[in-house]
Amino acid sequence: MSNRTRLVAAVIILTLLTLGGAFSAVYFSFNRSQERQLDDALLSAARTEARVIAAQPTASIALSNLPGPAANQVGPLTPFAAVLDAARRRVAQSSTMDGRLLAPRSMPFEVPFDLTVRDERLRGVWVRVASNAELELFFAVPRSDLDGDATLLLRAMVAAFLVAVLWAALLATGIVRVFTSEQRRIAEVARMVADGDLTARIVSRTKDREIARFAQDLDAMIERLALLVTSQQRFIAYAAHELRSPLTVLYGELSHALRRSRSADEYRVSIEEALEATRRLKHLSEDLLELARISEGSTAPTERFSLEESLSAVLDETRPLAEARAVTFRSSVEGGALSGHPRDIERLLRNLIENAIRHSPERGEVTIVVRREAAFVTLAVEDEGAGVSDEEREKIFEPFYRGASETSEGTGLGLAIARDIARAHGGDIRVERSRRGRGARFVATLRGE
């Protein structure tokens, strides 16, 4: 059973209980009030008749014609009356009795009760004749008017009850349908996304702020999911492409070397080519593993270390690459203590510095500046290359992205790994125009504590 069906059923059940209770209370209250009025009139008429009988000699008591006052007190109802003596014999009776049997004398005096005489329902009462304790008066009137009113009221209430329940069901169904239309739309979009349609969006138009916000959050989540899936597919495609190139070279060199007998120098050249392809594969696999590890979040405990020592170690590692291009370093470190993962920070520095070296012209200069700014440490690496266009400032941090001026050096993962490391340390990386007027300036911010 759906939530909508349960909600409509709950409204119907609540309506049944509420209206049923209200109508029952009205019905029983009305009947009781009418019965009290009849009982008051019945007792008053019986007492009047008893006083009239008491004023007559016993031998002359006759009830063939009731006295006017008693008849008037019960209105249009036809009275039934009988007088019994101490031996339970009828002394007299009204013409309406017509031989009808009396009710058993088991009820107390002046307490109205119901009885049936010849299939006719009556409301009767026993009273004592005041001047003669041996005489008892039975006085009754038909209940037909009272029962007819009760039946009419019951039918009217049942009809009203059924109409009210039907109207409540229709109204509840309509209201629930309107209020749950957005939920149905959300469910439909969720099923579409689960089936693989990442273009589905809710685009809520409801005025309910909570549902509208929920729909917006879901749309944002789907957008993010679509972006992640697209990035993953592109990443796989790029990784396959990057892996195919060195594998093709490696396979080609080995196949070429084995095609026929060659001299030692020729074998050496083939092996060196294969070794270079293997080196590229090794670096690419290491970068892929590093990117996956950092993206998942490092579980290693943090430690406090000196950025100056880390920078010095990275400069020593990258110096051969810089000397091959006649590139020089200029560095400045202030307040370089940091809590984090030293190996990851060294990887970030090495990636940024190697990137700066590759993009610097021969005999160029790479500047590294470390500064503490409030709760953050800023690492700035600046080169004298061609710089980065505004269109590429975000794209260069995507895995395997290479601009038009890029060479085939590196794996294309360095800047992506550097950004993930910075974000894992509570910061980020951005690229700016060099303050020298040419080149690029990469700025990494890391949380200091």
Protein backbone atom coordinates (compact mmCIF):
# COMPACT_ATOMS: atom_id res chain seq x y z
CA MET A 1 0.00 0.00 0.00
CA SER A 2 1.39 3.38 -1.02
CA ASN A 3 1.73 6.34 1.34
CA ARG A 4 -0.95 8.17 -0.63
CA THR A 5 -3.42 5.30 -0.17
CA ARG A 6 -2.61 5.08 3.53
CA LEU A 7 -3.13 8.82 3.95
CA VAL A 8 -6.51 8.75 2.18
CA ALA A 9 -7.55 5.70 4.25
CA ALA A 10 -6.52 7.50 7.45
CA VAL A 11 -8.65 10.53 6.52
CA ILE A 12 -11.64 8.31 5.73
CA ILE A 13 -11.30 6.35 8.98
CA LEU A 14 -10.96 9.59 10.96
CA THR A 15 -14.07 10.96 9.22
CA LEU A 16 -15.98 7.73 9.97
CA LEU A 17 -15.07 7.86 13.64
CA THR A 18 -15.71 11.59 14.04
CA LEU A 19 -19.00 11.80 12.15
CA GLY A 20 -20.17 8.44 13.46
CA GLY A 21 -19.57 9.53 17.03
CA ALA A 22 -21.17 12.95 16.48
CA PHE A 23 -24.24 11.56 14.68
CA SER A 24 -24.69 8.82 17.29
CA ALA A 25 -24.53 11.36 20.10
CA VAL A 26 -27.09 13.59 18.36
CA TYR A 27 -29.37 10.65 17.58
CA PHE A 28 -29.42 9.25 21.12
CA SER A 29 -29.65 12.70 22.68
CA PHE A 30 -32.61 13.61 20.46
CA ASN A 31 -34.42 10.33 21.18
CA ARG A 32 -33.82 10.67 24.89
CA SER A 33 -35.13 14.23 24.89
CA GLN A 34 -38.26 13.23 22.97
CA GLU A 35 -38.84 10.28 25.29
CA ARG A 36 -38.51 12.53 28.37
CA GLN A 37 -41.08 14.92 26.95
CA LEU A 38 -43.44 11.99 26.29
CA ASP A 39 -42.85 10.60 29.80
CA ASP A 40 -43.59 13.99 31.40
CA ALA A 41 -46.82 14.30 29.43
CA LEU A 42 -47.71 10.65 30.21
CA LEU A 43 -47.18 11.03 33.98
CA SER A 44 -49.04 14.33 34.08
CA ALA A 45 -52.01 12.82 32.23
CA ALA A 46 -51.98 9.66 34.40
CA ARG A 47 -51.96 11.70 37.62
CA THR A 48 -54.76 13.92 36.36
CA GLU A 49 -56.81 10.86 35.43
CA ALA A 50 -56.07 9.30 38.86
CA ARG A 51 -57.38 12.45 40.61
CA VAL A 52 -60.50 12.46 38.44
CA ILE A 53 -61.14 8.77 39.28
CA ALA A 54 -60.51 9.38 42.98
CA ALA A 55 -63.21 12.04 43.00
CA GLN A 56 -65.82 9.53 41.76
CA PRO A 57 -67.61 6.83 43.78
CA THR A 58 -66.20 3.40 43.10
CA ALA A 59 -69.49 2.13 41.68
CA SER A 60 -69.67 4.93 39.12
CA ILE A 61 -66.09 4.77 37.79
CA ALA A 62 -66.12 4.57 34.00
CA LEU A 63 -63.36 5.28 31.55
CA SER A 64 -65.27 5.01 28.33
CA ASN A 65 -64.81 8.75 27.87
CA LEU A 66 -61.67 10.18 29.34
CA PRO A 67 -61.92 13.54 31.05
CA GLY A 68 -60.82 16.43 28.92
CA PRO A 69 -57.77 17.55 30.92
CA ALA A 70 -56.02 14.15 30.70
CA ALA A 71 -56.70 13.81 26.98
CA ASN A 72 -55.39 17.30 26.27
CA GLN A 73 -52.15 16.63 28.11
CA VAL A 74 -51.11 13.89 25.66
CA GLY A 75 -52.13 15.87 22.57
CA PRO A 76 -53.23 13.92 19.51
CA LEU A 77 -52.13 10.59 20.99
CA THR A 78 -54.91 8.13 21.77
CA PRO A 79 -54.75 7.17 25.47
CA PHE A 80 -55.18 3.63 26.81
CA ALA A 81 -56.43 3.34 30.43
CA ALA A 82 -57.68 0.70 32.86
CA VAL A 83 -58.49 0.65 36.61
CA LEU A 84 -57.76 -2.49 38.64
CA ASP A 85 -58.84 -3.35 42.13
CA ALA A 86 -56.86 -5.14 44.81
CA ALA A 87 -57.75 -8.54 43.29
CA ARG A 88 -56.29 -7.42 39.94
CA ARG A 89 -59.74 -7.31 38.37
CA ARG A 90 -60.64 -4.59 35.92
CA VAL A 91 -62.98 -2.18 37.52
CA ALA A 92 -63.16 -0.05 34.39
CA GLN A 93 -61.29 0.57 31.16
CA SER A 94 -61.26 3.01 28.27
CA SER A 95 -62.91 2.09 25.01
CA THR A 96 -59.50 2.03 23.34
CA MET A 97 -58.45 -0.96 25.39
CA ASP A 98 -60.99 -3.15 23.53
CA GLY A 99 -60.04 -6.22 25.51
CA ARG A 100 -56.29 -5.66 25.17
CA LEU A 101 -54.21 -7.41 27.75
CA LEU A 102 -52.51 -5.28 30.31
CA ALA A 103 -48.81 -5.33 30.91
CA PRO A 104 -47.71 -7.41 33.91
CA ARG A 105 -47.84 -5.43 37.12
CA SER A 106 -44.11 -5.70 37.75
CA MET A 107 -43.00 -2.12 37.19
CA PRO A 108 -42.92 0.33 40.11
CA PHE A 109 -45.51 3.08 40.27
CA GLU A 110 -44.95 6.28 38.24
CA VAL A 111 -42.01 4.81 36.29
CA PRO A 112 -42.76 4.85 32.53
CA PHE A 113 -42.01 1.69 30.56
CA ASP A 114 -42.42 0.25 27.07
CA LEU A 115 -44.80 -2.56 26.20
CA THR A 116 -46.35 -4.12 23.14
CA VAL A 117 -50.06 -4.76 22.91
CA ARG A 118 -51.40 -6.50 19.81
CA ASP A 119 -48.27 -5.55 17.84
CA GLU A 120 -48.59 -1.92 18.87
CA ARG A 121 -45.80 -0.33 20.86
CA LEU A 122 -47.00 1.69 23.83
CA ARG A 123 -45.46 3.84 26.53
CA GLY A 124 -47.26 3.17 29.79
CA VAL A 125 -47.18 3.84 33.52
CA TRP A 126 -48.87 2.56 36.71
CA VAL A 127 -50.20 5.07 39.28
CA ARG A 128 -52.22 4.72 42.49
CA VAL A 129 -55.62 6.27 42.73
CA ALA A 130 -55.13 8.80 45.52
CA SER A 131 -58.41 8.38 47.51
CA ASN A 132 -58.46 4.63 47.23
CA ALA A 133 -55.26 2.75 47.88
CA GLU A 134 -56.84 -0.46 46.59
CA LEU A 135 -57.27 0.93 43.08
CA GLU A 136 -54.52 1.14 40.52
CA LEU A 137 -54.57 2.99 37.21
CA PHE A 138 -52.79 1.81 34.06
CA PHE A 139 -52.29 4.65 31.58
CA ALA A 140 -50.48 4.36 28.22
CA VAL A 141 -50.12 6.13 24.86
CA PRO A 142 -48.76 4.86 21.49
CA ARG A 143 -45.09 5.35 20.65
CA SER A 144 -45.76 5.55 16.92
CA ASP A 145 -45.02 9.27 16.59
CA LEU A 146 -41.88 9.00 18.74
CA ASP A 147 -40.62 5.95 16.85
CA GLY A 148 -41.47 7.55 13.51
CA ASP A 149 -39.48 10.66 14.35
CA ALA A 150 -36.54 8.50 15.46
CA THR A 151 -36.68 6.46 12.24
CA LEU A 152 -36.86 9.61 10.10
CA LEU A 153 -33.94 11.15 11.96
CA LEU A 154 -31.92 7.94 11.66
CA ARG A 155 -32.47 7.76 7.89
CA ALA A 156 -31.54 11.41 7.46
CA MET A 157 -28.39 10.97 9.53
CA VAL A 158 -27.36 7.81 7.67
CA ALA A 159 -27.80 9.61 4.34
CA ALA A 160 -25.87 12.63 5.59
CA PHE A 161 -23.20 10.34 7.03
CA LEU A 162 -22.71 8.48 3.74
CA VAL A 163 -22.61 11.72 1.74
CA ALA A 164 -20.12 13.25 4.19
CA VAL A 165 -17.85 10.18 4.08
CA LEU A 166 -17.97 10.07 0.28
CA TRP A 167 -17.22 13.78 0.04
CA ALA A 168 -14.38 13.45 2.56
CA ALA A 169 -12.91 10.56 0.54
CA LEU A 170 -13.08 12.51 -2.72
CA LEU A 171 -11.70 15.65 -1.10
CA ALA A 172 -8.88 13.76 0.64
CA THR A 173 -7.97 11.98 -2.59
CA GLY A 174 -7.80 15.28 -4.48
CA ILE A 175 -5.82 17.08 -1.79
CA VAL A 176 -3.39 14.20 -1.32
CA ARG A 177 -2.92 13.95 -5.10
CA VAL A 178 -2.11 17.66 -5.29
CA PHE A 179 0.21 17.63 -2.28
CA THR A 180 2.02 14.48 -3.38
CA SER A 181 2.47 15.43 -7.03
CA GLU A 182 5.97 16.70 -6.28
CA GLN A 183 6.82 13.53 -4.39
CA ARG A 184 5.66 11.48 -7.38
CA ARG A 185 7.80 13.61 -9.67
CA ILE A 186 10.79 13.15 -7.37
CA ALA A 187 10.23 9.38 -7.30
CA GLU A 188 9.97 9.27 -11.11
CA VAL A 189 13.21 11.20 -11.54
CA ALA A 190 14.93 8.97 -8.96
CA ARG A 191 13.87 5.89 -10.94
CA MET A 192 15.09 7.48 -14.18
CA VAL A 193 18.47 8.23 -12.62
CA ALA A 194 18.65 4.69 -11.21
CA ASP A 195 18.03 3.41 -14.75
CA GLY A 196 21.00 5.42 -15.98
CA ASP A 197 19.38 8.63 -17.26
CA LEU A 198 21.61 11.28 -15.67
CA THR A 199 19.93 14.07 -17.66
CA ALA A 200 16.68 13.76 -15.66
CA ARG A 201 15.91 16.72 -13.41
CA ILE A 202 13.01 17.52 -11.07
CA VAL A 203 12.78 21.32 -11.62
CA SER A 204 10.23 21.77 -8.83
CA ARG A 205 7.50 24.43 -9.17
CA THR A 206 5.88 23.89 -5.78
CA LYS A 207 5.43 26.75 -3.31
CA ASP A 208 6.32 24.45 -0.41
CA ARG A 209 9.77 25.66 0.61
CA GLU A 210 10.86 22.37 2.18
CA ILE A 211 9.88 20.25 -0.83
CA ALA A 212 11.32 22.84 -3.24
CA ARG A 213 14.60 22.85 -1.33
CA PHE A 214 14.62 19.05 -1.25
CA ALA A 215 14.06 18.94 -5.02
CA GLN A 216 16.86 21.48 -5.57
CA ASP A 217 19.22 19.44 -3.42
CA LEU A 218 18.35 16.30 -5.38
CA ASP A 219 18.90 18.10 -8.68
CA ALA A 220 22.27 19.32 -7.40
CA MET A 221 23.14 15.78 -6.29
CA ILE A 222 22.17 14.37 -9.70
CA GLU A 223 24.22 17.11 -11.38
CA ARG A 224 27.19 16.23 -9.22
CA LEU A 225 26.67 12.52 -9.88
CA ALA A 226 26.50 13.13 -13.62
CA LEU A 227 29.69 15.17 -13.40
CA LEU A 228 31.42 12.43 -11.44
CA VAL A 229 30.30 9.72 -13.86
CA THR A 230 31.39 11.82 -16.83
CA SER A 231 34.73 12.54 -15.16
CA GLN A 232 35.18 8.87 -14.37
CA GLN A 233 34.44 7.85 -17.95
CA ARG A 234 36.78 10.52 -19.27
CA PHE A 235 39.42 9.50 -16.76
CA ILE A 236 39.18 5.86 -17.86
CA ALA A 237 39.37 6.87 -21.50
CA TYR A 238 42.39 9.12 -20.89
CA ALA A 239 44.10 6.48 -18.74
CA ALA A 240 43.57 3.87 -21.44
CA HIS A 241 44.97 6.28 -24.03
CA GLU A 242 48.00 7.14 -21.92
CA LEU A 243 48.66 3.47 -21.21
CA ARG A 244 48.27 2.49 -24.84
CA SER A 245 51.06 4.74 -26.10
CA PRO A 246 53.94 3.29 -24.01
CA LEU A 247 52.50 -0.21 -24.35
CA THR A 248 52.42 0.19 -28.13
CA VAL A 249 56.02 1.41 -28.14
CA LEU A 250 57.10 -1.40 -25.83
CA TYR A 251 55.33 -4.05 -27.89
CA GLY A 252 56.65 -2.63 -31.13
CA GLU A 253 60.28 -2.46 -29.97
CA LEU A 254 60.23 -5.99 -28.58
CA SER A 255 58.54 -7.37 -31.69
CA HIS A 256 60.95 -5.52 -33.94
CA ALA A 257 63.94 -6.79 -31.96
CA LEU A 258 62.80 -10.39 -32.25
CA ARG A 259 61.88 -10.24 -35.92
CA ARG A 260 65.45 -11.05 -37.03
CA SER A 261 68.93 -11.36 -35.62
CA ARG A 262 70.53 -8.00 -34.81
CA SER A 263 73.83 -6.66 -33.61
CA ALA A 264 74.47 -5.88 -29.99
CA ASP A 265 74.17 -2.13 -30.65
CA GLU A 266 70.82 -2.59 -32.35
CA TYR A 267 69.59 -4.74 -29.48
CA ARG A 268 70.80 -2.09 -27.07
CA VAL A 269 68.84 0.64 -28.87
CA SER A 270 65.66 -1.51 -28.85
CA ILE A 271 66.10 -2.33 -25.16
CA GLU A 272 66.63 1.36 -24.33
CA GLU A 273 63.45 2.28 -26.20
CA ALA A 274 61.56 -0.49 -24.40
CA LEU A 275 63.04 0.63 -21.09
CA GLU A 276 61.92 4.20 -21.70
CA ALA A 277 58.38 2.98 -22.46
CA THR A 278 58.48 0.84 -19.32
CA ARG A 279 59.61 3.87 -17.31
CA ARG A 280 56.66 5.86 -18.57
CA LEU A 281 54.31 3.00 -17.66
CA LYS A 282 55.84 2.83 -14.19
CA HIS A 283 55.44 6.56 -13.62
CA LEU A 284 51.89 6.52 -14.93
CA SER A 285 50.86 3.59 -12.71
CA GLU A 286 52.45 5.27 -9.69
CA ASP A 287 50.62 8.51 -10.39
CA LEU A 288 47.32 6.68 -10.86
CA LEU A 289 47.75 4.86 -7.55
CA GLU A 290 48.75 8.11 -5.84
CA LEU A 291 45.72 9.93 -7.23
CA ALA A 292 43.41 7.12 -6.09
CA ARG A 293 44.97 7.05 -2.62
CA ILE A 294 44.66 10.79 -2.09
CA SER A 295 41.12 10.93 -3.50
CA GLU A 296 40.00 8.25 -1.04
CA GLY A 297 41.44 10.24 1.87
CA SER A 298 44.64 9.50 3.71
CA THR A 299 44.28 7.51 6.91
CA ALA A 300 47.90 8.02 8.02
CA PRO A 301 48.32 10.11 11.19
CA THR A 302 49.43 13.71 10.70
CA GLU A 303 52.70 15.03 12.08
CA ARG A 304 54.33 18.40 12.45
CA PHE A 305 57.25 19.01 10.11
CA SER A 306 59.28 21.82 8.56
CA LEU A 307 58.31 23.02 5.11
CA GLU A 308 61.81 24.44 4.68
CA GLU A 309 63.33 20.97 4.99
CA SER A 310 60.72 19.49 2.66
CA LEU A 311 61.36 22.20 0.07
CA SER A 312 65.12 21.69 0.31
CA ALA A 313 64.70 17.95 -0.31
CA VAL A 314 62.45 18.56 -3.33
CA LEU A 315 64.84 21.11 -4.83
CA ASP A 316 67.66 18.58 -4.57
CA GLU A 317 65.51 16.00 -6.40
CA THR A 318 64.45 18.34 -9.19
CA ARG A 319 67.82 20.06 -9.64
CA PRO A 320 69.01 17.66 -12.40
CA LEU A 321 65.88 18.45 -14.46
CA ALA A 322 66.43 22.17 -13.90
CA GLU A 323 70.13 22.00 -14.83
CA ALA A 324 69.24 20.19 -18.05
CA ARG A 325 67.21 23.27 -19.06
CA ALA A 326 69.56 25.78 -17.39
CA VAL A 327 66.73 26.83 -15.05
CA THR A 328 67.63 28.37 -11.69
CA PHE A 329 65.72 28.42 -8.41
CA ARG A 330 64.97 31.29 -6.06
CA SER A 331 63.22 30.39 -2.80
CA SER A 332 62.01 32.11 0.35
CA VAL A 333 60.49 30.38 3.38
CA GLU A 334 58.88 32.13 6.37
CA GLY A 335 56.91 30.36 9.11
CA GLY A 336 57.13 27.06 7.32
CA ALA A 337 56.00 24.70 10.12
CA LEU A 338 53.00 22.59 9.14
CA SER A 339 50.90 19.71 10.47
CA GLY A 340 50.02 17.13 7.85
CA HIS A 341 51.54 14.35 5.74
CA PRO A 342 55.15 15.23 4.83
CA ARG A 343 55.37 12.80 1.90
CA ASP A 344 52.21 14.24 0.31
CA ILE A 345 53.39 17.84 0.74
CA GLU A 346 56.73 16.95 -0.86
CA ARG A 347 54.80 15.38 -3.73
CA LEU A 348 52.76 18.57 -4.12
CA LEU A 349 55.92 20.72 -4.17
CA ARG A 350 57.70 18.39 -6.59
CA ASN A 351 54.75 18.37 -9.01
CA LEU A 352 54.46 22.17 -8.98
CA ILE A 353 58.19 22.73 -9.34
CA GLU A 354 58.60 20.14 -12.12
CA ASN A 355 55.65 21.71 -13.93
CA ALA A 356 57.28 25.16 -13.59
CA ILE A 357 60.62 23.82 -14.89
CA ARG A 358 59.02 22.22 -17.95
CA HIS A 359 57.19 25.44 -18.83
CA SER A 360 60.11 27.80 -18.20
CA PRO A 361 62.36 28.82 -21.09
CA GLU A 362 66.04 27.89 -21.06
CA ARG A 363 68.03 29.93 -18.56
CA GLY A 364 64.72 30.90 -16.94
CA GLU A 365 64.02 31.21 -13.21
CA VAL A 366 61.51 29.44 -10.96
CA THR A 367 60.52 31.28 -7.77
CA ILE A 368 59.20 29.43 -4.70
CA VAL A 369 57.77 31.45 -1.82
CA VAL A 370 56.35 30.04 1.44
CA ARG A 371 54.39 32.41 3.70
CA ARG A 372 52.10 32.03 6.71
CA GLU A 373 48.85 33.94 6.49
CA ALA A 374 46.66 33.64 9.59
CA ALA A 375 45.66 29.97 9.95
CA PHE A 376 46.97 29.03 6.49
CA VAL A 377 50.35 28.46 4.88
CA THR A 378 50.69 29.70 1.30
CA LEU A 379 53.02 28.01 -1.21
CA ALA A 380 53.58 29.99 -4.41
CA VAL A 381 55.53 28.58 -7.39
CA GLU A 382 56.09 31.01 -10.26
CA ASP A 383 57.66 30.38 -13.69
CA GLU A 384 58.59 32.50 -16.71
CA GLY A 385 56.75 30.46 -19.32
CA ALA A 386 53.88 31.32 -21.65
CA GLY A 387 51.34 31.37 -18.81
CA VAL A 388 47.86 29.87 -18.65
CA SER A 389 44.86 31.27 -20.52
CA ASP A 390 41.68 32.13 -18.67
CA GLU A 391 39.83 29.28 -20.42
CA GLU A 392 42.32 26.70 -19.19
CA ARG A 393 42.71 27.76 -15.56
CA GLU A 394 40.36 25.06 -14.29
CA LYS A 395 40.93 22.49 -17.02
CA ILE A 396 44.64 22.13 -16.29
CA PHE A 397 43.77 20.52 -12.94
CA GLU A 398 41.79 17.76 -14.63
CA PRO A 399 43.55 14.39 -14.96
CA PHE A 400 45.40 13.91 -18.28
CA TYR A 401 44.51 17.39 -19.55
CA ARG A 402 47.11 18.94 -21.82
CA GLY A 403 46.83 22.33 -23.41
CA ALA A 404 47.72 23.19 -26.98
CA SER A 405 51.25 24.17 -25.98
CA GLU A 406 51.84 21.09 -23.80
CA THR A 407 54.52 18.54 -24.59
CA SER A 408 54.27 14.82 -24.03
CA GLU A 409 56.46 15.05 -20.92
CA GLY A 410 54.93 13.82 -17.69
CA THR A 411 51.81 11.77 -17.15
CA GLY A 412 49.25 14.59 -17.10
CA LEU A 413 48.35 13.83 -13.49
CA GLY A 414 50.74 16.10 -11.61
CA LEU A 415 48.46 19.11 -11.12
CA ALA A 416 45.42 16.89 -10.37
CA ILE A 417 47.41 15.13 -7.64
CA ALA A 418 48.67 18.46 -6.29
CA ARG A 419 45.13 19.86 -6.01
CA ASP A 420 43.85 16.73 -4.24
CA ILE A 421 46.74 16.93 -1.76
CA ALA A 422 45.99 20.60 -1.06
CA ARG A 423 42.30 19.88 -0.53
CA ALA A 424 43.13 16.95 1.75
CA HIS A 425 45.06 19.46 3.89
CA GLY A 426 42.13 21.88 4.17
CA GLY A 427 43.14 24.14 1.29
CA ASP A 428 43.19 24.38 -2.50
CA ILE A 429 45.30 25.42 -5.49
CA ARG A 430 44.66 28.23 -7.93
CA VAL A 431 46.62 29.58 -10.87
CA GLU A 432 47.24 33.29 -11.41
CA ARG A 433 49.10 35.49 -13.83
CA SER A 434 52.71 35.93 -12.88
CA ARG A 435 53.54 39.16 -11.10
CA ARG A 436 56.43 39.59 -13.52
CA GLY A 437 54.03 40.09 -16.41
CA ARG A 438 54.72 36.71 -17.99
CA GLY A 439 54.48 33.09 -16.90
CA ALA A 440 52.14 31.40 -14.44
CA ARG A 441 51.92 31.54 -10.67
CA PHE A 442 50.50 28.51 -8.86
CA VAL A 443 49.34 29.27 -5.32
CA ALA A 444 48.58 26.44 -2.88
CA THR A 445 46.94 27.21 0.46
CA LEU A 446 47.25 24.67 3.29
CA ARG A 447 45.70 24.80 6.74
CA GLY A 448 48.56 25.51 9.13
CA GLU A 449 47.30 23.56 12.16
